[in-house]
Amino acid sequence: MKQYQFQLKFQVRDYECDMQGHVNNSVYLNYLEHCRHEFIKELGLDFSELVRRGISLVIIRAEVDYKYSLCSGDRFMVGVILERVSPLRYRFIQDIYLLPEQKLVLRARVVGTGVSAKGRPQLPEEISVALGKAT
């Protein structure tokens, strides 16, 4: 496994599985999002406060490679590495591993930015500083 800037452990719940007994593809995106949000909170950013001020952190691209299916009760870990792509964009490199085997389940590359209340790209200084702490 890689050296991650942030990791979060989960356990698959029954209702997250499809008729074949595997985690539904869309649920993996929820796992990735929850991990990103927890990581951002750890960096000192508050999503709801940013939204109240008219700044939204949004995803503009997500690329996901599914390698192995999780099933109900499986324990797993989501790891995150944050990279700065440009002055307005950042990329989360995220992997999911089945535990304790550390078997790769999923690889994702998620690109985000900030958007003002007027819908224009904007990354206020406080966000740049917080994200800079991690990179």
N, C-alpha and C. Protein backbone atom coordinates (compact mmCIF):
# COMPACT_ATOMS: atom_id res chain seq x y z
N MET A 1 0.84 -1.19 0.00
CA MET A 1 0.00 0.00 0.00
C MET A 1 0.88 1.25 0.00
N LYS A 2 0.31 2.32 -0.52
CA LYS A 2 1.00 3.59 -0.58
C LYS A 2 1.04 4.24 0.80
N GLN A 3 1.81 5.29 0.88
CA GLN A 3 1.84 6.12 2.09
C GLN A 3 0.77 7.21 1.90
N TYR A 4 -0.32 7.13 2.63
CA TYR A 4 -1.44 8.05 2.47
C TYR A 4 -1.36 9.19 3.46
N GLN A 5 -1.88 10.35 3.05
CA GLN A 5 -1.95 11.51 3.94
C GLN A 5 -3.09 11.35 4.94
N PHE A 6 -4.08 10.55 4.57
CA PHE A 6 -5.24 10.34 5.43
C PHE A 6 -5.83 8.97 5.11
N GLN A 7 -6.33 8.29 6.14
CA GLN A 7 -6.97 6.99 5.97
C GLN A 7 -8.21 6.92 6.85
N LEU A 8 -9.21 6.20 6.37
CA LEU A 8 -10.43 6.02 7.13
C LEU A 8 -10.91 4.59 6.93
N LYS A 9 -11.29 3.94 8.03
CA LYS A 9 -11.77 2.55 7.96
C LYS A 9 -13.29 2.53 8.00
N PHE A 10 -13.86 1.56 7.29
CA PHE A 10 -15.30 1.37 7.16
C PHE A 10 -15.63 -0.11 7.28
N GLN A 11 -16.94 -0.38 7.39
CA GLN A 11 -17.46 -1.74 7.25
C GLN A 11 -18.69 -1.67 6.37
N VAL A 12 -18.80 -2.59 5.41
CA VAL A 12 -19.92 -2.62 4.48
C VAL A 12 -21.19 -2.98 5.24
N ARG A 13 -22.26 -2.21 4.98
CA ARG A 13 -23.57 -2.47 5.58
C ARG A 13 -24.44 -3.21 4.55
N ASP A 14 -25.35 -4.04 5.04
CA ASP A 14 -26.20 -4.86 4.16
C ASP A 14 -26.89 -4.05 3.07
N TYR A 15 -27.44 -2.91 3.44
CA TYR A 15 -28.24 -2.14 2.49
C TYR A 15 -27.41 -1.47 1.38
N GLU A 16 -26.10 -1.56 1.47
CA GLU A 16 -25.24 -0.99 0.44
C GLU A 16 -24.99 -1.97 -0.71
N CYS A 17 -25.52 -3.17 -0.57
CA CYS A 17 -25.25 -4.22 -1.55
C CYS A 17 -26.38 -4.36 -2.57
N ASP A 18 -26.01 -4.80 -3.77
CA ASP A 18 -26.97 -5.02 -4.84
C ASP A 18 -27.55 -6.44 -4.77
N MET A 19 -28.32 -6.81 -5.76
CA MET A 19 -28.96 -8.12 -5.75
C MET A 19 -27.97 -9.28 -5.82
N GLN A 20 -26.77 -9.04 -6.32
CA GLN A 20 -25.75 -10.08 -6.40
C GLN A 20 -24.96 -10.22 -5.08
N GLY A 21 -25.26 -9.32 -4.12
CA GLY A 21 -24.59 -9.39 -2.82
C GLY A 21 -23.30 -8.60 -2.74
N HIS A 22 -23.01 -7.81 -3.78
CA HIS A 22 -21.81 -6.97 -3.80
C HIS A 22 -22.19 -5.51 -3.55
N VAL A 23 -21.24 -4.73 -3.06
CA VAL A 23 -21.48 -3.30 -2.89
C VAL A 23 -21.83 -2.71 -4.25
N ASN A 24 -22.91 -1.93 -4.30
CA ASN A 24 -23.34 -1.28 -5.53
C ASN A 24 -22.27 -0.27 -5.96
N ASN A 25 -22.02 -0.21 -7.27
CA ASN A 25 -20.96 0.67 -7.79
C ASN A 25 -21.08 2.11 -7.29
N SER A 26 -22.28 2.64 -7.20
CA SER A 26 -22.45 4.02 -6.77
C SER A 26 -22.07 4.24 -5.31
N VAL A 27 -22.18 3.21 -4.49
CA VAL A 27 -21.87 3.32 -3.07
C VAL A 27 -20.39 3.59 -2.85
N TYR A 28 -19.54 3.03 -3.72
CA TYR A 28 -18.11 3.30 -3.60
C TYR A 28 -17.83 4.79 -3.68
N LEU A 29 -18.59 5.51 -4.52
CA LEU A 29 -18.41 6.96 -4.62
C LEU A 29 -18.75 7.64 -3.30
N ASN A 30 -19.75 7.10 -2.58
CA ASN A 30 -20.08 7.64 -1.25
C ASN A 30 -18.93 7.42 -0.27
N TYR A 31 -18.32 6.24 -0.32
CA TYR A 31 -17.18 5.97 0.57
C TYR A 31 -16.06 6.97 0.29
N LEU A 32 -15.77 7.18 -1.01
CA LEU A 32 -14.69 8.10 -1.38
C LEU A 32 -15.01 9.52 -0.91
N GLU A 33 -16.26 9.94 -1.12
CA GLU A 33 -16.66 11.30 -0.72
C GLU A 33 -16.57 11.48 0.79
N HIS A 34 -17.07 10.53 1.53
CA HIS A 34 -17.02 10.65 2.99
C HIS A 34 -15.57 10.77 3.48
N CYS A 35 -14.69 9.99 2.90
CA CYS A 35 -13.29 10.05 3.29
C CYS A 35 -12.68 11.42 2.94
N ARG A 36 -13.00 11.95 1.76
CA ARG A 36 -12.50 13.29 1.39
C ARG A 36 -13.00 14.34 2.36
N HIS A 37 -14.29 14.26 2.72
CA HIS A 37 -14.86 15.24 3.64
C HIS A 37 -14.18 15.18 5.01
N GLU A 38 -13.93 13.99 5.50
CA GLU A 38 -13.25 13.86 6.80
C GLU A 38 -11.83 14.39 6.72
N PHE A 39 -11.16 14.15 5.62
CA PHE A 39 -9.81 14.65 5.39
C PHE A 39 -9.81 16.18 5.38
N ILE A 40 -10.76 16.76 4.65
CA ILE A 40 -10.86 18.23 4.56
C ILE A 40 -11.14 18.83 5.94
N LYS A 41 -12.01 18.16 6.72
CA LYS A 41 -12.28 18.63 8.09
C LYS A 41 -11.01 18.62 8.92
N GLU A 42 -10.22 17.55 8.77
CA GLU A 42 -8.97 17.46 9.52
C GLU A 42 -8.02 18.59 9.14
N LEU A 43 -8.11 19.09 7.93
CA LEU A 43 -7.27 20.20 7.49
C LEU A 43 -7.79 21.55 7.98
N GLY A 44 -8.94 21.54 8.66
CA GLY A 44 -9.47 22.77 9.25
C GLY A 44 -10.52 23.49 8.43
N LEU A 45 -11.05 22.83 7.40
CA LEU A 45 -12.09 23.46 6.58
C LEU A 45 -13.46 22.93 6.98
N ASP A 46 -14.45 23.82 7.03
CA ASP A 46 -15.82 23.47 7.39
C ASP A 46 -16.71 23.68 6.16
N PHE A 47 -17.19 22.59 5.56
CA PHE A 47 -17.99 22.68 4.34
C PHE A 47 -19.20 23.58 4.51
N SER A 48 -19.96 23.40 5.60
CA SER A 48 -21.18 24.18 5.76
C SER A 48 -20.88 25.66 5.93
N GLU A 49 -19.80 26.00 6.61
CA GLU A 49 -19.43 27.41 6.75
C GLU A 49 -19.03 28.01 5.40
N LEU A 50 -18.30 27.25 4.60
CA LEU A 50 -17.92 27.73 3.27
C LEU A 50 -19.16 27.98 2.41
N VAL A 51 -20.13 27.07 2.46
CA VAL A 51 -21.36 27.23 1.68
C VAL A 51 -22.13 28.46 2.14
N ARG A 52 -22.20 28.68 3.46
CA ARG A 52 -22.88 29.88 3.98
C ARG A 52 -22.23 31.15 3.43
N ARG A 53 -20.94 31.09 3.16
CA ARG A 53 -20.21 32.25 2.62
C ARG A 53 -20.23 32.29 1.09
N GLY A 54 -20.92 31.32 0.47
CA GLY A 54 -21.05 31.34 -0.97
C GLY A 54 -19.97 30.61 -1.73
N ILE A 55 -19.18 29.78 -1.03
CA ILE A 55 -18.12 29.00 -1.69
C ILE A 55 -18.50 27.52 -1.60
N SER A 56 -18.49 26.85 -2.73
CA SER A 56 -18.76 25.41 -2.75
C SER A 56 -17.53 24.69 -3.29
N LEU A 57 -17.14 23.64 -2.60
CA LEU A 57 -16.08 22.76 -3.11
C LEU A 57 -16.79 21.69 -3.92
N VAL A 58 -16.42 21.59 -5.20
CA VAL A 58 -17.13 20.69 -6.10
C VAL A 58 -16.18 19.75 -6.82
N ILE A 59 -16.71 18.63 -7.23
CA ILE A 59 -15.97 17.66 -8.03
C ILE A 59 -16.26 17.94 -9.49
N ILE A 60 -15.20 18.01 -10.30
CA ILE A 60 -15.40 18.26 -11.72
C ILE A 60 -15.01 17.06 -12.58
N ARG A 61 -14.35 16.09 -11.97
CA ARG A 61 -13.99 14.87 -12.70
C ARG A 61 -13.74 13.75 -11.70
N ALA A 62 -14.24 12.56 -12.03
CA ALA A 62 -13.97 11.37 -11.21
C ALA A 62 -13.69 10.21 -12.15
N GLU A 63 -12.55 9.59 -11.93
CA GLU A 63 -12.15 8.42 -12.72
C GLU A 63 -11.96 7.27 -11.73
N VAL A 64 -12.69 6.18 -11.95
CA VAL A 64 -12.69 5.07 -10.99
C VAL A 64 -12.39 3.76 -11.72
N ASP A 65 -11.44 3.01 -11.18
CA ASP A 65 -11.13 1.67 -11.68
C ASP A 65 -11.51 0.67 -10.60
N TYR A 66 -12.52 -0.15 -10.89
CA TYR A 66 -12.97 -1.17 -9.96
C TYR A 66 -12.13 -2.42 -10.16
N LYS A 67 -11.54 -2.94 -9.07
CA LYS A 67 -10.65 -4.10 -9.16
C LYS A 67 -11.21 -5.35 -8.50
N TYR A 68 -12.02 -5.16 -7.45
CA TYR A 68 -12.52 -6.29 -6.66
C TYR A 68 -13.78 -5.82 -5.94
N SER A 69 -14.74 -6.70 -5.76
CA SER A 69 -16.01 -6.33 -5.13
C SER A 69 -16.00 -6.59 -3.63
N LEU A 70 -16.53 -5.63 -2.90
CA LEU A 70 -16.76 -5.80 -1.46
C LEU A 70 -18.14 -6.40 -1.25
N CYS A 71 -18.31 -7.13 -0.14
CA CYS A 71 -19.59 -7.74 0.23
C CYS A 71 -19.97 -7.32 1.64
N SER A 72 -21.21 -7.57 2.00
CA SER A 72 -21.72 -7.20 3.31
C SER A 72 -20.81 -7.72 4.42
N GLY A 73 -20.51 -6.83 5.36
CA GLY A 73 -19.68 -7.19 6.50
C GLY A 73 -18.19 -6.99 6.28
N ASP A 74 -17.76 -6.84 5.02
CA ASP A 74 -16.32 -6.63 4.76
C ASP A 74 -15.85 -5.35 5.43
N ARG A 75 -14.65 -5.42 5.96
CA ARG A 75 -14.00 -4.23 6.51
C ARG A 75 -13.00 -3.75 5.47
N PHE A 76 -12.89 -2.43 5.36
CA PHE A 76 -12.00 -1.88 4.34
C PHE A 76 -11.49 -0.51 4.76
N MET A 77 -10.49 -0.06 4.04
CA MET A 77 -9.84 1.22 4.31
C MET A 77 -9.82 2.04 3.04
N VAL A 78 -10.09 3.34 3.18
CA VAL A 78 -9.96 4.29 2.08
C VAL A 78 -8.77 5.18 2.40
N GLY A 79 -7.82 5.26 1.47
CA GLY A 79 -6.66 6.12 1.63
C GLY A 79 -6.72 7.29 0.67
N VAL A 80 -6.16 8.43 1.09
CA VAL A 80 -6.20 9.65 0.28
C VAL A 80 -4.81 10.27 0.18
N ILE A 81 -4.47 10.70 -1.03
CA ILE A 81 -3.30 11.54 -1.27
C ILE A 81 -3.81 12.75 -2.03
N LEU A 82 -3.47 13.94 -1.58
CA LEU A 82 -3.92 15.18 -2.20
C LEU A 82 -2.78 15.79 -3.01
N GLU A 83 -3.09 16.20 -4.24
CA GLU A 83 -2.11 16.86 -5.10
C GLU A 83 -2.72 18.16 -5.63
N ARG A 84 -1.88 19.18 -5.73
CA ARG A 84 -2.31 20.43 -6.37
C ARG A 84 -2.10 20.28 -7.86
N VAL A 85 -3.12 20.56 -8.67
CA VAL A 85 -3.05 20.41 -10.12
C VAL A 85 -2.78 21.77 -10.77
N SER A 86 -3.42 22.82 -10.25
CA SER A 86 -3.29 24.18 -10.78
C SER A 86 -3.69 25.13 -9.66
N PRO A 87 -3.62 26.42 -9.89
CA PRO A 87 -4.04 27.35 -8.83
C PRO A 87 -5.50 27.17 -8.40
N LEU A 88 -6.34 26.60 -9.29
CA LEU A 88 -7.76 26.44 -8.96
C LEU A 88 -8.21 24.99 -8.81
N ARG A 89 -7.33 24.04 -9.10
CA ARG A 89 -7.74 22.63 -9.06
C ARG A 89 -6.82 21.80 -8.18
N TYR A 90 -7.42 20.77 -7.59
CA TYR A 90 -6.69 19.82 -6.77
C TYR A 90 -7.18 18.43 -7.11
N ARG A 91 -6.35 17.42 -6.87
CA ARG A 91 -6.70 16.04 -7.20
C ARG A 91 -6.54 15.18 -5.94
N PHE A 92 -7.57 14.38 -5.69
CA PHE A 92 -7.51 13.37 -4.64
C PHE A 92 -7.21 12.04 -5.31
N ILE A 93 -6.13 11.42 -4.93
CA ILE A 93 -5.83 10.06 -5.36
C ILE A 93 -6.33 9.18 -4.23
N GLN A 94 -7.29 8.31 -4.54
CA GLN A 94 -7.92 7.52 -3.49
C GLN A 94 -7.92 6.04 -3.88
N ASP A 95 -7.62 5.23 -2.90
CA ASP A 95 -7.64 3.78 -3.07
C ASP A 95 -8.46 3.17 -1.95
N ILE A 96 -9.10 2.05 -2.27
CA ILE A 96 -9.83 1.28 -1.27
C ILE A 96 -9.19 -0.09 -1.20
N TYR A 97 -8.92 -0.55 0.04
CA TYR A 97 -8.33 -1.86 0.27
C TYR A 97 -9.20 -2.67 1.22
N LEU A 98 -9.41 -3.94 0.87
CA LEU A 98 -10.07 -4.89 1.76
C LEU A 98 -9.13 -5.19 2.92
N LEU A 99 -9.67 -5.21 4.13
CA LEU A 99 -8.86 -5.50 5.32
C LEU A 99 -9.28 -6.85 5.91
N PRO A 100 -8.40 -7.58 6.50
CA PRO A 100 -7.00 -7.27 6.76
C PRO A 100 -6.05 -7.64 5.62
N GLU A 101 -6.61 -8.21 4.54
CA GLU A 101 -5.77 -8.72 3.45
C GLU A 101 -4.99 -7.65 2.70
N GLN A 102 -5.46 -6.40 2.79
CA GLN A 102 -4.88 -5.28 2.04
C GLN A 102 -4.97 -5.53 0.53
N LYS A 103 -6.09 -6.14 0.12
CA LYS A 103 -6.33 -6.41 -1.29
C LYS A 103 -6.94 -5.16 -1.93
N LEU A 104 -6.38 -4.73 -3.06
CA LEU A 104 -6.87 -3.54 -3.74
C LEU A 104 -8.28 -3.79 -4.28
N VAL A 105 -9.20 -2.90 -3.92
CA VAL A 105 -10.59 -2.98 -4.34
C VAL A 105 -10.89 -1.96 -5.44
N LEU A 106 -10.33 -0.78 -5.29
CA LEU A 106 -10.67 0.32 -6.19
C LEU A 106 -9.55 1.35 -6.21
N ARG A 107 -9.34 1.96 -7.36
CA ARG A 107 -8.44 3.11 -7.51
C ARG A 107 -9.25 4.24 -8.10
N ALA A 108 -9.08 5.45 -7.56
CA ALA A 108 -9.84 6.60 -8.07
C ALA A 108 -8.95 7.84 -8.14
N ARG A 109 -9.25 8.68 -9.10
CA ARG A 109 -8.64 10.00 -9.25
C ARG A 109 -9.79 10.98 -9.34
N VAL A 110 -9.88 11.87 -8.36
CA VAL A 110 -11.01 12.79 -8.27
C VAL A 110 -10.48 14.21 -8.27
N VAL A 111 -10.92 15.02 -9.24
CA VAL A 111 -10.45 16.40 -9.37
C VAL A 111 -11.55 17.34 -8.90
N GLY A 112 -11.16 18.32 -8.08
CA GLY A 112 -12.12 19.28 -7.56
C GLY A 112 -11.61 20.70 -7.66
N THR A 113 -12.53 21.63 -7.41
CA THR A 113 -12.21 23.05 -7.38
C THR A 113 -13.20 23.73 -6.46
N GLY A 114 -13.06 25.02 -6.31
CA GLY A 114 -14.03 25.82 -5.57
C GLY A 114 -14.83 26.65 -6.56
N VAL A 115 -16.11 26.88 -6.22
CA VAL A 115 -16.98 27.67 -7.08
C VAL A 115 -17.67 28.73 -6.23
N SER A 116 -17.68 29.96 -6.74
CA SER A 116 -18.34 31.06 -6.03
C SER A 116 -19.85 30.95 -6.17
N ALA A 117 -20.56 31.78 -5.43
CA ALA A 117 -22.02 31.80 -5.50
C ALA A 117 -22.50 32.16 -6.91
N LYS A 118 -21.66 32.82 -7.68
CA LYS A 118 -22.00 33.18 -9.06
C LYS A 118 -21.64 32.08 -10.05
N GLY A 119 -21.14 30.95 -9.54
CA GLY A 119 -20.81 29.82 -10.40
C GLY A 119 -19.46 29.92 -11.09
N ARG A 120 -18.61 30.80 -10.60
CA ARG A 120 -17.28 30.97 -11.19
C ARG A 120 -16.24 30.24 -10.34
N PRO A 121 -15.23 29.66 -10.99
CA PRO A 121 -14.15 29.01 -10.23
C PRO A 121 -13.50 29.99 -9.26
N GLN A 122 -13.36 29.57 -8.03
CA GLN A 122 -12.75 30.42 -7.00
C GLN A 122 -12.22 29.53 -5.89
N LEU A 123 -11.00 29.76 -5.51
CA LEU A 123 -10.40 29.03 -4.40
C LEU A 123 -9.82 30.07 -3.44
N PRO A 124 -10.59 30.48 -2.43
CA PRO A 124 -10.11 31.49 -1.49
C PRO A 124 -8.80 31.08 -0.83
N GLU A 125 -8.08 32.06 -0.37
CA GLU A 125 -6.75 31.85 0.22
C GLU A 125 -6.78 30.82 1.35
N GLU A 126 -7.79 30.86 2.21
CA GLU A 126 -7.85 29.93 3.34
C GLU A 126 -7.92 28.48 2.87
N ILE A 127 -8.60 28.24 1.73
CA ILE A 127 -8.68 26.89 1.19
C ILE A 127 -7.32 26.49 0.62
N SER A 128 -6.71 27.40 -0.12
CA SER A 128 -5.38 27.12 -0.67
C SER A 128 -4.38 26.81 0.44
N VAL A 129 -4.45 27.57 1.52
CA VAL A 129 -3.53 27.36 2.65
C VAL A 129 -3.79 26.00 3.29
N ALA A 130 -5.09 25.69 3.53
CA ALA A 130 -5.42 24.39 4.17
C ALA A 130 -4.99 23.23 3.30
N LEU A 131 -5.26 23.31 1.99
CA LEU A 131 -4.88 22.23 1.10
C LEU A 131 -3.37 22.15 0.97
N GLY A 132 -2.72 23.29 1.05
CA GLY A 132 -1.25 23.33 0.99
C GLY A 132 -0.60 22.63 2.17
N LYS A 133 -1.28 22.57 3.30
CA LYS A 133 -0.75 21.85 4.47
C LYS A 133 -0.57 20.38 4.18
N ALA A 134 -1.45 19.85 3.33
CA ALA A 134 -1.44 18.41 3.06
C ALA A 134 -0.49 18.04 1.91
N THR A 135 -0.22 18.97 1.01
CA THR A 135 0.58 18.62 -0.16
C THR A 135 2.05 18.86 0.07
